[in-house]
Amino acid sequence: LNGEVYIVRDNDRIPAKLGAILFQADIVETGPSGSVGITFIDSSRFSAGPDTRLELSRFRFNPTTHDGEFLTGLDRGTLTVISGQIAKRSNEAMKIKTPTTLLGFRGTRVAVKVTD
């Protein structure tokens, strides 16, 4: 965590803390000087820059079979992704939705920027 980072859960906006656990449907927001790194249980890693709004729309992962699905909404800001086990198991399992497109992952790294 660096600067202003918030978790929006059930319409409550709370300051994020190092080591906080995120849940499906949580929204992560960073302020003008905020940034955050997130590691998921499938080993996917996200890095969000300033003025980012990221919704964890759907996350399901079976650590034994590595089956799962991962859908994230990026409304604004910057996001760097290193995909984990979910994307390696299935080409269609990990996606990022922006206001204009839907990106799929196939076990790779990507950087995305959404502007107004």
N, C-alpha and C. Protein backbone atom coordinates (compact mmCIF):
# COMPACT_ATOMS: atom_id res chain seq x y z
N LEU A 1 0.84 -1.18 0.00
CA LEU A 1 0.00 0.00 0.00
C LEU A 1 0.88 1.24 0.00
N ASN A 2 0.44 2.24 -0.74
CA ASN A 2 1.12 3.52 -0.74
C ASN A 2 0.07 4.61 -0.94
N GLY A 3 0.06 5.62 -0.08
CA GLY A 3 -0.90 6.70 -0.21
C GLY A 3 -2.31 6.27 0.14
N GLU A 4 -3.28 6.93 -0.48
CA GLU A 4 -4.69 6.64 -0.20
C GLU A 4 -5.17 5.42 -0.98
N VAL A 5 -5.60 4.40 -0.24
CA VAL A 5 -6.16 3.19 -0.83
C VAL A 5 -7.37 2.81 0.01
N TYR A 6 -8.48 2.53 -0.66
CA TYR A 6 -9.73 2.22 0.03
C TYR A 6 -10.32 0.92 -0.48
N ILE A 7 -11.06 0.27 0.39
CA ILE A 7 -11.87 -0.89 0.01
C ILE A 7 -13.33 -0.47 0.18
N VAL A 8 -14.11 -0.64 -0.87
CA VAL A 8 -15.55 -0.37 -0.80
C VAL A 8 -16.25 -1.72 -0.72
N ARG A 9 -16.95 -1.93 0.39
CA ARG A 9 -17.64 -3.19 0.64
C ARG A 9 -19.01 -2.87 1.22
N ASP A 10 -20.05 -3.35 0.57
CA ASP A 10 -21.42 -3.10 1.04
C ASP A 10 -21.68 -1.61 1.26
N ASN A 11 -21.25 -0.79 0.33
CA ASN A 11 -21.43 0.67 0.35
C ASN A 11 -20.64 1.38 1.45
N ASP A 12 -19.77 0.67 2.16
CA ASP A 12 -18.88 1.30 3.13
C ASP A 12 -17.50 1.47 2.50
N ARG A 13 -16.94 2.66 2.62
CA ARG A 13 -15.61 2.96 2.06
C ARG A 13 -14.64 3.05 3.24
N ILE A 14 -13.76 2.05 3.34
CA ILE A 14 -12.85 1.99 4.47
C ILE A 14 -11.40 2.05 4.00
N PRO A 15 -10.52 2.69 4.77
CA PRO A 15 -9.11 2.70 4.40
C PRO A 15 -8.55 1.27 4.39
N ALA A 16 -7.82 0.94 3.34
CA ALA A 16 -7.21 -0.39 3.24
C ALA A 16 -6.02 -0.47 4.18
N LYS A 17 -5.79 -1.65 4.69
CA LYS A 17 -4.64 -1.91 5.55
C LYS A 17 -3.81 -3.02 4.94
N LEU A 18 -2.52 -2.98 5.17
CA LEU A 18 -1.62 -4.02 4.70
C LEU A 18 -2.09 -5.37 5.20
N GLY A 19 -2.21 -6.33 4.29
CA GLY A 19 -2.65 -7.66 4.66
C GLY A 19 -4.15 -7.85 4.69
N ALA A 20 -4.91 -6.82 4.34
CA ALA A 20 -6.38 -6.93 4.34
C ALA A 20 -6.83 -8.02 3.38
N ILE A 21 -7.86 -8.73 3.77
CA ILE A 21 -8.43 -9.78 2.92
C ILE A 21 -9.54 -9.16 2.08
N LEU A 22 -9.49 -9.44 0.77
CA LEU A 22 -10.51 -8.95 -0.15
C LEU A 22 -11.50 -10.06 -0.45
N PHE A 23 -12.73 -9.66 -0.74
CA PHE A 23 -13.79 -10.59 -1.05
C PHE A 23 -14.38 -10.28 -2.42
N GLN A 24 -15.02 -11.30 -3.00
CA GLN A 24 -15.73 -11.09 -4.25
C GLN A 24 -16.69 -9.93 -4.08
N ALA A 25 -16.77 -9.07 -5.07
CA ALA A 25 -17.61 -7.88 -5.12
C ALA A 25 -17.00 -6.68 -4.41
N ASP A 26 -15.84 -6.83 -3.77
CA ASP A 26 -15.15 -5.66 -3.21
C ASP A 26 -14.65 -4.77 -4.33
N ILE A 27 -14.58 -3.49 -4.04
CA ILE A 27 -14.02 -2.51 -4.96
C ILE A 27 -12.79 -1.91 -4.29
N VAL A 28 -11.70 -1.82 -5.03
CA VAL A 28 -10.48 -1.20 -4.53
C VAL A 28 -10.31 0.12 -5.26
N GLU A 29 -10.14 1.20 -4.50
CA GLU A 29 -9.95 2.53 -5.08
C GLU A 29 -8.65 3.12 -4.55
N THR A 30 -7.90 3.75 -5.44
CA THR A 30 -6.70 4.46 -5.02
C THR A 30 -6.90 5.95 -5.25
N GLY A 31 -6.29 6.77 -4.38
CA GLY A 31 -6.36 8.21 -4.52
C GLY A 31 -5.32 8.73 -5.49
N PRO A 32 -5.20 10.06 -5.61
CA PRO A 32 -4.28 10.67 -6.58
C PRO A 32 -2.82 10.28 -6.40
N SER A 33 -2.44 9.91 -5.18
CA SER A 33 -1.05 9.47 -4.96
C SER A 33 -1.01 8.04 -4.43
N GLY A 34 -2.10 7.30 -4.60
CA GLY A 34 -2.19 5.95 -4.07
C GLY A 34 -1.79 4.89 -5.06
N SER A 35 -1.32 3.78 -4.53
CA SER A 35 -1.05 2.58 -5.33
C SER A 35 -1.14 1.38 -4.41
N VAL A 36 -1.40 0.22 -5.00
CA VAL A 36 -1.57 -0.98 -4.20
C VAL A 36 -1.16 -2.20 -5.01
N GLY A 37 -0.58 -3.17 -4.32
CA GLY A 37 -0.29 -4.47 -4.90
C GLY A 37 -1.18 -5.50 -4.23
N ILE A 38 -1.73 -6.41 -5.03
CA ILE A 38 -2.65 -7.43 -4.51
C ILE A 38 -2.18 -8.79 -5.02
N THR A 39 -2.07 -9.75 -4.12
CA THR A 39 -1.74 -11.12 -4.50
C THR A 39 -2.94 -12.00 -4.17
N PHE A 40 -3.39 -12.76 -5.15
CA PHE A 40 -4.55 -13.63 -4.99
C PHE A 40 -4.11 -15.06 -4.69
N ILE A 41 -5.03 -15.90 -4.19
CA ILE A 41 -4.66 -17.25 -3.77
C ILE A 41 -4.26 -18.15 -4.93
N ASP A 42 -4.54 -17.76 -6.17
CA ASP A 42 -4.08 -18.55 -7.32
C ASP A 42 -2.73 -18.05 -7.82
N SER A 43 -2.11 -17.11 -7.10
CA SER A 43 -0.82 -16.49 -7.41
C SER A 43 -0.90 -15.39 -8.46
N SER A 44 -2.10 -15.00 -8.88
CA SER A 44 -2.23 -13.82 -9.73
C SER A 44 -1.81 -12.61 -8.92
N ARG A 45 -1.19 -11.63 -9.60
CA ARG A 45 -0.76 -10.41 -8.91
C ARG A 45 -1.23 -9.20 -9.69
N PHE A 46 -1.82 -8.26 -8.97
CA PHE A 46 -2.27 -6.99 -9.53
C PHE A 46 -1.46 -5.87 -8.91
N SER A 47 -1.18 -4.86 -9.71
CA SER A 47 -0.59 -3.63 -9.22
C SER A 47 -1.41 -2.48 -9.80
N ALA A 48 -2.07 -1.72 -8.93
CA ALA A 48 -2.94 -0.62 -9.36
C ALA A 48 -2.28 0.70 -9.02
N GLY A 49 -2.29 1.64 -9.97
CA GLY A 49 -1.69 2.94 -9.79
C GLY A 49 -2.67 3.97 -9.26
N PRO A 50 -2.27 5.24 -9.29
CA PRO A 50 -3.11 6.34 -8.79
C PRO A 50 -4.45 6.45 -9.52
N ASP A 51 -5.44 6.93 -8.79
CA ASP A 51 -6.79 7.20 -9.34
C ASP A 51 -7.38 6.00 -10.07
N THR A 52 -7.27 4.84 -9.45
CA THR A 52 -7.77 3.60 -10.05
C THR A 52 -9.00 3.12 -9.29
N ARG A 53 -9.95 2.58 -10.04
CA ARG A 53 -11.14 1.94 -9.45
C ARG A 53 -11.26 0.56 -10.05
N LEU A 54 -11.15 -0.45 -9.19
CA LEU A 54 -11.06 -1.84 -9.60
C LEU A 54 -12.09 -2.66 -8.84
N GLU A 55 -12.98 -3.34 -9.56
CA GLU A 55 -14.01 -4.15 -8.92
C GLU A 55 -13.70 -5.63 -9.09
N LEU A 56 -13.69 -6.36 -7.99
CA LEU A 56 -13.44 -7.79 -8.01
C LEU A 56 -14.78 -8.50 -8.20
N SER A 57 -15.23 -8.52 -9.43
CA SER A 57 -16.59 -8.97 -9.75
C SER A 57 -16.82 -10.44 -9.45
N ARG A 58 -15.88 -11.28 -9.85
CA ARG A 58 -16.07 -12.72 -9.67
C ARG A 58 -14.72 -13.37 -9.44
N PHE A 59 -14.62 -14.18 -8.40
CA PHE A 59 -13.40 -14.93 -8.15
C PHE A 59 -13.77 -16.26 -7.53
N ARG A 60 -13.37 -17.33 -8.21
CA ARG A 60 -13.59 -18.68 -7.72
C ARG A 60 -12.35 -19.48 -8.08
N PHE A 61 -11.77 -20.20 -7.10
CA PHE A 61 -10.54 -20.95 -7.35
C PHE A 61 -10.51 -22.20 -6.48
N ASN A 62 -10.22 -23.35 -7.12
CA ASN A 62 -10.03 -24.61 -6.43
C ASN A 62 -8.54 -24.88 -6.38
N PRO A 63 -7.90 -24.80 -5.21
CA PRO A 63 -6.45 -24.97 -5.13
C PRO A 63 -5.96 -26.38 -5.48
N THR A 64 -6.84 -27.36 -5.46
CA THR A 64 -6.44 -28.73 -5.81
C THR A 64 -6.40 -28.92 -7.32
N THR A 65 -7.47 -28.50 -8.00
CA THR A 65 -7.55 -28.71 -9.46
C THR A 65 -7.08 -27.50 -10.26
N HIS A 66 -6.97 -26.34 -9.61
CA HIS A 66 -6.63 -25.05 -10.24
C HIS A 66 -7.73 -24.56 -11.17
N ASP A 67 -8.90 -25.16 -11.12
CA ASP A 67 -10.05 -24.65 -11.86
C ASP A 67 -10.56 -23.40 -11.18
N GLY A 68 -11.13 -22.51 -11.98
CA GLY A 68 -11.72 -21.32 -11.41
C GLY A 68 -12.11 -20.32 -12.47
N GLU A 69 -12.53 -19.16 -12.00
CA GLU A 69 -12.84 -18.06 -12.89
C GLU A 69 -12.56 -16.76 -12.17
N PHE A 70 -12.19 -15.75 -12.96
CA PHE A 70 -11.74 -14.50 -12.39
C PHE A 70 -12.20 -13.39 -13.33
N LEU A 71 -13.09 -12.52 -12.85
CA LEU A 71 -13.55 -11.38 -13.63
C LEU A 71 -13.35 -10.12 -12.80
N THR A 72 -12.62 -9.18 -13.36
CA THR A 72 -12.33 -7.92 -12.70
C THR A 72 -12.81 -6.78 -13.58
N GLY A 73 -13.41 -5.76 -12.97
CA GLY A 73 -13.82 -4.57 -13.70
C GLY A 73 -12.86 -3.43 -13.40
N LEU A 74 -12.32 -2.84 -14.44
CA LEU A 74 -11.44 -1.68 -14.30
C LEU A 74 -12.17 -0.48 -14.88
N ASP A 75 -12.71 0.37 -14.00
CA ASP A 75 -13.48 1.53 -14.44
C ASP A 75 -12.60 2.71 -14.83
N ARG A 76 -11.47 2.86 -14.12
CA ARG A 76 -10.54 3.95 -14.43
C ARG A 76 -9.19 3.62 -13.82
N GLY A 77 -8.15 4.24 -14.36
CA GLY A 77 -6.82 4.10 -13.78
C GLY A 77 -5.94 3.12 -14.53
N THR A 78 -4.90 2.66 -13.82
CA THR A 78 -3.92 1.76 -14.42
C THR A 78 -3.83 0.48 -13.62
N LEU A 79 -3.61 -0.61 -14.33
CA LEU A 79 -3.52 -1.91 -13.70
C LEU A 79 -2.50 -2.76 -14.45
N THR A 80 -1.57 -3.34 -13.72
CA THR A 80 -0.64 -4.31 -14.26
C THR A 80 -1.01 -5.66 -13.66
N VAL A 81 -1.06 -6.68 -14.51
CA VAL A 81 -1.50 -8.00 -14.08
C VAL A 81 -0.45 -9.04 -14.47
N ILE A 82 -0.13 -9.90 -13.53
CA ILE A 82 0.62 -11.12 -13.83
C ILE A 82 -0.34 -12.25 -13.46
N SER A 83 -0.75 -13.00 -14.47
CA SER A 83 -1.78 -14.02 -14.23
C SER A 83 -1.21 -15.20 -13.46
N GLY A 84 -2.11 -15.90 -12.75
CA GLY A 84 -1.75 -17.05 -11.93
C GLY A 84 -2.33 -18.33 -12.48
N GLN A 85 -2.65 -19.24 -11.57
CA GLN A 85 -3.09 -20.58 -11.94
C GLN A 85 -4.41 -20.61 -12.71
N ILE A 86 -5.32 -19.71 -12.41
CA ILE A 86 -6.62 -19.73 -13.09
C ILE A 86 -6.44 -19.55 -14.59
N ALA A 87 -5.65 -18.57 -14.99
CA ALA A 87 -5.45 -18.30 -16.42
C ALA A 87 -4.66 -19.41 -17.09
N LYS A 88 -3.76 -20.05 -16.38
CA LYS A 88 -2.96 -21.12 -16.96
C LYS A 88 -3.78 -22.38 -17.19
N ARG A 89 -4.81 -22.55 -16.41
CA ARG A 89 -5.65 -23.75 -16.52
C ARG A 89 -6.64 -23.66 -17.68
N SER A 90 -7.17 -22.44 -17.93
CA SER A 90 -8.18 -22.27 -18.97
C SER A 90 -8.02 -20.91 -19.65
N ASN A 91 -8.07 -20.90 -20.97
CA ASN A 91 -7.90 -19.66 -21.74
C ASN A 91 -9.01 -18.65 -21.50
N GLU A 92 -10.18 -19.08 -21.11
CA GLU A 92 -11.33 -18.20 -20.95
C GLU A 92 -11.63 -17.85 -19.48
N ALA A 93 -10.80 -18.27 -18.56
CA ALA A 93 -11.14 -18.18 -17.14
C ALA A 93 -10.84 -16.83 -16.50
N MET A 94 -9.92 -16.06 -17.05
CA MET A 94 -9.54 -14.78 -16.43
C MET A 94 -9.78 -13.65 -17.41
N LYS A 95 -10.56 -12.64 -16.94
CA LYS A 95 -10.92 -11.53 -17.81
C LYS A 95 -10.92 -10.22 -17.04
N ILE A 96 -10.62 -9.14 -17.74
CA ILE A 96 -10.75 -7.79 -17.20
C ILE A 96 -11.70 -7.02 -18.11
N LYS A 97 -12.72 -6.46 -17.48
CA LYS A 97 -13.72 -5.68 -18.22
C LYS A 97 -13.43 -4.20 -18.00
N THR A 98 -13.28 -3.45 -19.09
CA THR A 98 -13.13 -2.00 -19.04
C THR A 98 -14.41 -1.40 -19.61
N PRO A 99 -14.58 -0.07 -19.55
CA PRO A 99 -15.79 0.53 -20.13
C PRO A 99 -15.96 0.26 -21.63
N THR A 100 -14.88 -0.10 -22.33
CA THR A 100 -14.99 -0.27 -23.79
C THR A 100 -14.63 -1.65 -24.30
N THR A 101 -14.08 -2.52 -23.46
CA THR A 101 -13.64 -3.82 -23.97
C THR A 101 -13.60 -4.88 -22.88
N LEU A 102 -13.43 -6.13 -23.29
CA LEU A 102 -13.26 -7.25 -22.38
C LEU A 102 -11.97 -7.96 -22.77
N LEU A 103 -11.00 -7.99 -21.85
CA LEU A 103 -9.70 -8.58 -22.12
C LEU A 103 -9.62 -9.97 -21.50
N GLY A 104 -9.15 -10.95 -22.28
CA GLY A 104 -8.94 -12.29 -21.76
C GLY A 104 -7.45 -12.57 -21.61
N PHE A 105 -7.10 -13.48 -20.70
CA PHE A 105 -5.70 -13.79 -20.41
C PHE A 105 -5.41 -15.25 -20.70
N ARG A 106 -4.18 -15.48 -21.13
CA ARG A 106 -3.73 -16.84 -21.38
C ARG A 106 -2.37 -17.06 -20.73
N GLY A 107 -2.30 -16.83 -19.45
CA GLY A 107 -1.05 -17.05 -18.73
C GLY A 107 0.02 -16.06 -19.12
N THR A 108 -0.21 -14.79 -18.87
CA THR A 108 0.68 -13.76 -19.37
C THR A 108 0.75 -12.57 -18.42
N ARG A 109 1.40 -11.52 -18.88
CA ARG A 109 1.46 -10.23 -18.18
C ARG A 109 0.84 -9.18 -19.09
N VAL A 110 0.16 -8.23 -18.45
CA VAL A 110 -0.45 -7.17 -19.24
C VAL A 110 -0.56 -5.91 -18.38
N ALA A 111 -0.52 -4.78 -19.05
CA ALA A 111 -0.76 -3.50 -18.39
C ALA A 111 -1.94 -2.84 -19.10
N VAL A 112 -2.87 -2.28 -18.34
CA VAL A 112 -4.07 -1.69 -18.88
C VAL A 112 -4.22 -0.28 -18.28
N LYS A 113 -4.61 0.68 -19.14
CA LYS A 113 -4.89 2.04 -18.67
C LYS A 113 -6.24 2.46 -19.20
N VAL A 114 -7.10 2.93 -18.28
CA VAL A 114 -8.42 3.41 -18.67
C VAL A 114 -8.50 4.89 -18.28
N THR A 115 -8.80 5.72 -19.27
CA THR A 115 -8.94 7.15 -19.04
C THR A 115 -10.35 7.58 -19.37
N ASP A 116 -10.73 8.74 -18.86
CA ASP A 116 -12.08 9.29 -19.14
C ASP A 116 -12.21 9.72 -20.57
